[in-house]
Amino acid sequence: MKNQSQKRHKALQPLSRDHHQGLLLSWKIRTGFSKNVSPGRIKNYANWFFETHLIPHFEMEEMHIFNILGNDNQLIKKALADHRRLIRLFKKEQDLGLVLSKIEEELDKHIRFEERILFPEIQKVATDNQLLHIEKIHYQEPFKDKLDDEFWK
């Protein structure tokens, strides 16, 4: 059986583009490790990404997207638990190599869960009014990367 991808509703597309940037963060962490970049340099970038992009993304999902299914929904409970776990990982400043490995793995798994399972479910049940509301409140500016230390190149 082929994995049929569902066309993402335009209201959710900016969030999917955010997810793409999150997957790139995981790739940058892996690439940094493969190039023997110091964990401190990688963590510096990861912290910037967390504050600048991930926290606003989590807040948008939690305030305006997850409520479509409701906080009692098992998929939403999993997504919220993932968010809490990722926030704890990003805030850790000891054992940076291990922490970054966990961030890379957990973020990748979380994004793939949202894209493959959670967002299609939300899209199935969301009303036109809910999707229109999301479109109105979530505009996306072009992604601006932190390029002062491109350790992944």
C-alpha atoms as a PDB file:
ATOM      1  CA  MET A   1       0.000   0.000   0.000  1.00  0.00           C
ATOM      2  CA  LYS A   2       1.437   3.366  -1.023  1.00  0.00           C
ATOM      3  CA  ASN A   3       1.633   6.203   1.472  1.00  0.00           C
ATOM      4  CA  GLN A   4      -0.753   8.700  -0.103  1.00  0.00           C
ATOM      5  CA  SER A   5       0.167  12.241   0.735  1.00  0.00           C
ATOM      6  CA  GLN A   6      -2.711  14.580   1.287  1.00  0.00           C
ATOM      7  CA  LYS A   7      -2.511  18.066  -0.154  1.00  0.00           C
ATOM      8  CA  ARG A   8      -2.058  20.426   2.743  1.00  0.00           C
ATOM      9  CA  HIS A   9      -4.777  23.066   3.080  1.00  0.00           C
ATOM     10  CA  LYS A  10      -3.335  26.530   2.433  1.00  0.00           C
ATOM     11  CA  ALA A  11      -4.156  27.583   6.010  1.00  0.00           C
ATOM     12  CA  LEU A  12      -1.730  24.934   7.295  1.00  0.00           C
ATOM     13  CA  GLN A  13       0.964  25.398   4.646  1.00  0.00           C
ATOM     14  CA  PRO A  14       2.930  28.047   6.611  1.00  0.00           C
ATOM     15  CA  LEU A  15       3.146  25.609   9.520  1.00  0.00           C
ATOM     16  CA  SER A  16       4.375  22.892   7.164  1.00  0.00           C
ATOM     17  CA  ARG A  17       7.043  25.307   5.892  1.00  0.00           C
ATOM     18  CA  ASP A  18       8.042  25.871   9.530  1.00  0.00           C
ATOM     19  CA  HIS A  19       8.311  22.097   9.842  1.00  0.00           C
ATOM     20  CA  HIS A  20      10.660  22.035   6.869  1.00  0.00           C
ATOM     21  CA  GLN A  21      12.954  24.459   8.699  1.00  0.00           C
ATOM     22  CA  GLY A  22      12.788  22.241  11.790  1.00  0.00           C
ATOM     23  CA  LEU A  23      13.844  19.235   9.714  1.00  0.00           C
ATOM     24  CA  LEU A  24      16.720  21.342   8.400  1.00  0.00           C
ATOM     25  CA  LEU A  25      17.752  22.041  12.001  1.00  0.00           C
ATOM     26  CA  SER A  26      17.936  18.291  12.608  1.00  0.00           C
ATOM     27  CA  TRP A  27      20.005  17.931   9.436  1.00  0.00           C
ATOM     28  CA  LYS A  28      22.328  20.772  10.522  1.00  0.00           C
ATOM     29  CA  ILE A  29      22.878  19.091  13.893  1.00  0.00           C
ATOM     30  CA  ARG A  30      23.696  15.757  12.215  1.00  0.00           C
ATOM     31  CA  THR A  31      25.985  17.490   9.723  1.00  0.00           C
ATOM     32  CA  GLY A  32      27.736  19.389  12.512  1.00  0.00           C
ATOM     33  CA  PHE A  33      28.443  16.124  14.306  1.00  0.00           C
ATOM     34  CA  SER A  34      29.729  14.501  11.103  1.00  0.00           C
ATOM     35  CA  LYS A  35      32.166  17.425  10.695  1.00  0.00           C
ATOM     36  CA  ASN A  36      33.291  17.209  14.338  1.00  0.00           C
ATOM     37  CA  VAL A  37      31.969  20.685  15.105  1.00  0.00           C
ATOM     38  CA  SER A  38      32.022  21.467  18.812  1.00  0.00           C
ATOM     39  CA  PRO A  39      28.666  20.842  20.511  1.00  0.00           C
ATOM     40  CA  GLY A  40      28.803  24.396  21.919  1.00  0.00           C
ATOM     41  CA  ARG A  41      28.735  25.910  18.416  1.00  0.00           C
ATOM     42  CA  ILE A  42      25.854  23.688  17.358  1.00  0.00           C
ATOM     43  CA  LYS A  43      23.934  24.413  20.589  1.00  0.00           C
ATOM     44  CA  ASN A  44      24.384  28.145  20.050  1.00  0.00           C
ATOM     45  CA  TYR A  45      22.595  27.842  16.708  1.00  0.00           C
ATOM     46  CA  ALA A  46      19.979  25.447  18.125  1.00  0.00           C
ATOM     47  CA  ASN A  47      19.203  27.886  20.954  1.00  0.00           C
ATOM     48  CA  TRP A  48      18.748  30.724  18.446  1.00  0.00           C
ATOM     49  CA  PHE A  49      16.428  28.545  16.330  1.00  0.00           C
ATOM     50  CA  PHE A  50      14.467  27.513  19.414  1.00  0.00           C
ATOM     51  CA  GLU A  51      13.850  31.072  20.612  1.00  0.00           C
ATOM     52  CA  THR A  52      13.308  32.649  17.197  1.00  0.00           C
ATOM     53  CA  HIS A  53      11.322  29.996  15.385  1.00  0.00           C
ATOM     54  CA  LEU A  54      10.307  26.991  17.455  1.00  0.00           C
ATOM     55  CA  ILE A  55       8.689  28.728  20.438  1.00  0.00           C
ATOM     56  CA  PRO A  56       6.448  30.929  18.217  1.00  0.00           C
ATOM     57  CA  HIS A  57       5.579  27.857  16.144  1.00  0.00           C
ATOM     58  CA  PHE A  58       4.616  25.819  19.219  1.00  0.00           C
ATOM     59  CA  GLU A  59       2.532  28.719  20.539  1.00  0.00           C
ATOM     60  CA  MET A  60       0.685  29.058  17.230  1.00  0.00           C
ATOM     61  CA  GLU A  61      -0.124  25.348  17.157  1.00  0.00           C
ATOM     62  CA  GLU A  62      -1.177  25.208  20.797  1.00  0.00           C
ATOM     63  CA  MET A  63      -3.340  28.333  20.695  1.00  0.00           C
ATOM     64  CA  HIS A  64      -4.975  28.028  17.292  1.00  0.00           C
ATOM     65  CA  ILE A  65      -4.503  24.601  15.702  1.00  0.00           C
ATOM     66  CA  PHE A  66      -4.693  21.931  18.382  1.00  0.00           C
ATOM     67  CA  ASN A  67      -8.018  23.186  19.717  1.00  0.00           C
ATOM     68  CA  ILE A  68      -9.649  22.004  16.484  1.00  0.00           C
ATOM     69  CA  LEU A  69      -9.362  18.446  17.802  1.00  0.00           C
ATOM     70  CA  GLY A  70      -9.457  19.412  21.490  1.00  0.00           C
ATOM     71  CA  ASN A  71      -7.022  18.787  24.327  1.00  0.00           C
ATOM     72  CA  ASP A  72      -8.641  15.436  25.181  1.00  0.00           C
ATOM     73  CA  ASN A  73      -7.736  14.016  21.770  1.00  0.00           C
ATOM     74  CA  GLN A  74      -4.934  11.431  22.030  1.00  0.00           C
ATOM     75  CA  LEU A  75      -3.052  12.910  19.054  1.00  0.00           C
ATOM     76  CA  ILE A  76      -3.120  16.352  20.667  1.00  0.00           C
ATOM     77  CA  LYS A  77      -1.972  14.893  23.994  1.00  0.00           C
ATOM     78  CA  LYS A  78       0.991  13.336  22.183  1.00  0.00           C
ATOM     79  CA  ALA A  79       1.839  16.576  20.364  1.00  0.00           C
ATOM     80  CA  LEU A  80       1.694  18.579  23.607  1.00  0.00           C
ATOM     81  CA  ALA A  81       3.880  16.018  25.386  1.00  0.00           C
ATOM     82  CA  ASP A  82       6.350  16.223  22.486  1.00  0.00           C
ATOM     83  CA  HIS A  83       6.406  20.031  22.796  1.00  0.00           C
ATOM     84  CA  ARG A  84       7.100  19.832  26.540  1.00  0.00           C
ATOM     85  CA  ARG A  85       9.866  17.263  26.030  1.00  0.00           C
ATOM     86  CA  LEU A  86      11.499  19.344  23.280  1.00  0.00           C
ATOM     87  CA  ILE A  87      11.358  22.512  25.379  1.00  0.00           C
ATOM     88  CA  ARG A  88      13.078  20.692  28.260  1.00  0.00           C
ATOM     89  CA  LEU A  89      15.768  19.395  25.898  1.00  0.00           C
ATOM     90  CA  PHE A  90      16.456  22.802  24.370  1.00  0.00           C
ATOM     91  CA  LYS A  91      16.797  24.335  27.838  1.00  0.00           C
ATOM     92  CA  LYS A  92      19.436  21.819  28.958  1.00  0.00           C
ATOM     93  CA  GLU A  93      22.969  23.132  28.931  1.00  0.00           C
ATOM     94  CA  GLN A  94      24.850  20.066  30.245  1.00  0.00           C
ATOM     95  CA  ASP A  95      25.999  17.066  28.202  1.00  0.00           C
ATOM     96  CA  LEU A  96      25.561  19.066  24.995  1.00  0.00           C
ATOM     97  CA  GLY A  97      26.488  16.228  22.650  1.00  0.00           C
ATOM     98  CA  LEU A  98      23.854  13.937  24.126  1.00  0.00           C
ATOM     99  CA  VAL A  99      21.267  16.744  24.362  1.00  0.00           C
ATOM    100  CA  LEU A 100      21.783  17.743  20.729  1.00  0.00           C
ATOM    101  CA  SER A 101      21.470  14.120  19.602  1.00  0.00           C
ATOM    102  CA  LYS A 102      18.173  13.851  21.471  1.00  0.00           C
ATOM    103  CA  ILE A 103      16.937  17.185  20.057  1.00  0.00           C
ATOM    104  CA  GLU A 104      17.794  16.065  16.532  1.00  0.00           C
ATOM    105  CA  GLU A 105      16.001  12.757  16.941  1.00  0.00           C
ATOM    106  CA  GLU A 106      12.963  14.023  18.886  1.00  0.00           C
ATOM    107  CA  LEU A 107      12.387  17.049  16.647  1.00  0.00           C
ATOM    108  CA  ASP A 108      12.562  14.913  13.509  1.00  0.00           C
ATOM    109  CA  LYS A 109      10.089  12.351  14.936  1.00  0.00           C
ATOM    110  CA  HIS A 110       7.749  15.069  16.187  1.00  0.00           C
ATOM    111  CA  ILE A 111       7.623  16.915  12.864  1.00  0.00           C
ATOM    112  CA  ARG A 112       6.998  13.722  10.917  1.00  0.00           C
ATOM    113  CA  PHE A 113       4.195  12.814  13.350  1.00  0.00           C
ATOM    114  CA  GLU A 114       2.528  16.192  12.885  1.00  0.00           C
ATOM    115  CA  GLU A 115       2.902  16.159   9.101  1.00  0.00           C
ATOM    116  CA  ARG A 116       1.884  12.534   8.494  1.00  0.00           C
ATOM    117  CA  ILE A 117      -0.708  11.948  11.220  1.00  0.00           C
ATOM    118  CA  LEU A 118      -1.826  15.026  13.159  1.00  0.00           C
ATOM    119  CA  PHE A 119      -2.240  17.631  10.413  1.00  0.00           C
ATOM    120  CA  PRO A 120      -4.177  15.293   8.088  1.00  0.00           C
ATOM    121  CA  GLU A 121      -6.533  14.527  10.988  1.00  0.00           C
ATOM    122  CA  ILE A 122      -6.970  18.217  11.786  1.00  0.00           C
ATOM    123  CA  GLN A 123      -7.583  18.942   8.129  1.00  0.00           C
ATOM    124  CA  LYS A 124     -10.306  16.272   8.005  1.00  0.00           C
ATOM    125  CA  VAL A 125     -12.343  17.761  10.837  1.00  0.00           C
ATOM    126  CA  ALA A 126     -11.602  21.501  10.614  1.00  0.00           C
ATOM    127  CA  THR A 127     -14.476  23.679   9.471  1.00  0.00           C
ATOM    128  CA  ASP A 128     -14.054  26.244   6.725  1.00  0.00           C
ATOM    129  CA  ASN A 129     -14.387  28.974   9.362  1.00  0.00           C
ATOM    130  CA  GLN A 130     -11.614  27.460  11.492  1.00  0.00           C
ATOM    131  CA  LEU A 131      -9.282  27.224   8.508  1.00  0.00           C
ATOM    132  CA  LEU A 132     -10.125  30.772   7.443  1.00  0.00           C
ATOM    133  CA  HIS A 133      -9.344  31.984  10.971  1.00  0.00           C
ATOM    134  CA  ILE A 134      -5.938  30.271  10.847  1.00  0.00           C
ATOM    135  CA  GLU A 135      -5.213  31.856   7.473  1.00  0.00           C
ATOM    136  CA  LYS A 136      -6.042  35.302   8.817  1.00  0.00           C
ATOM    137  CA  ILE A 137      -3.883  35.109  11.934  1.00  0.00           C
ATOM    138  CA  HIS A 138      -0.884  33.182  10.628  1.00  0.00           C
ATOM    139  CA  TYR A 139       1.001  34.898   7.893  1.00  0.00           C
ATOM    140  CA  GLN A 140       4.529  33.870   7.258  1.00  0.00           C
ATOM    141  CA  GLU A 141       7.522  36.022   6.605  1.00  0.00           C
ATOM    142  CA  PRO A 142      10.395  34.489   4.663  1.00  0.00           C
ATOM    143  CA  PHE A 143      12.687  32.418   6.861  1.00  0.00           C
ATOM    144  CA  LYS A 144      15.751  34.371   7.960  1.00  0.00           C
ATOM    145  CA  ASP A 145      18.555  32.103   9.024  1.00  0.00           C
ATOM    146  CA  LYS A 146      21.362  32.866  11.468  1.00  0.00           C
ATOM    147  CA  LEU A 147      24.395  32.777   9.211  1.00  0.00           C
ATOM    148  CA  ASP A 148      27.196  34.118  11.402  1.00  0.00           C
ATOM    149  CA  ASP A 149      28.502  30.565  12.000  1.00  0.00           C
ATOM    150  CA  GLU A 150      27.479  28.173   9.235  1.00  0.00           C
ATOM    151  CA  PHE A 151      29.030  25.125  10.895  1.00  0.00           C
ATOM    152  CA  TRP A 152      27.056  22.786   8.630  1.00  0.00           C
ATOM    153  CA  LYS A 153      28.836  23.903   5.437  1.00  0.00           C
END
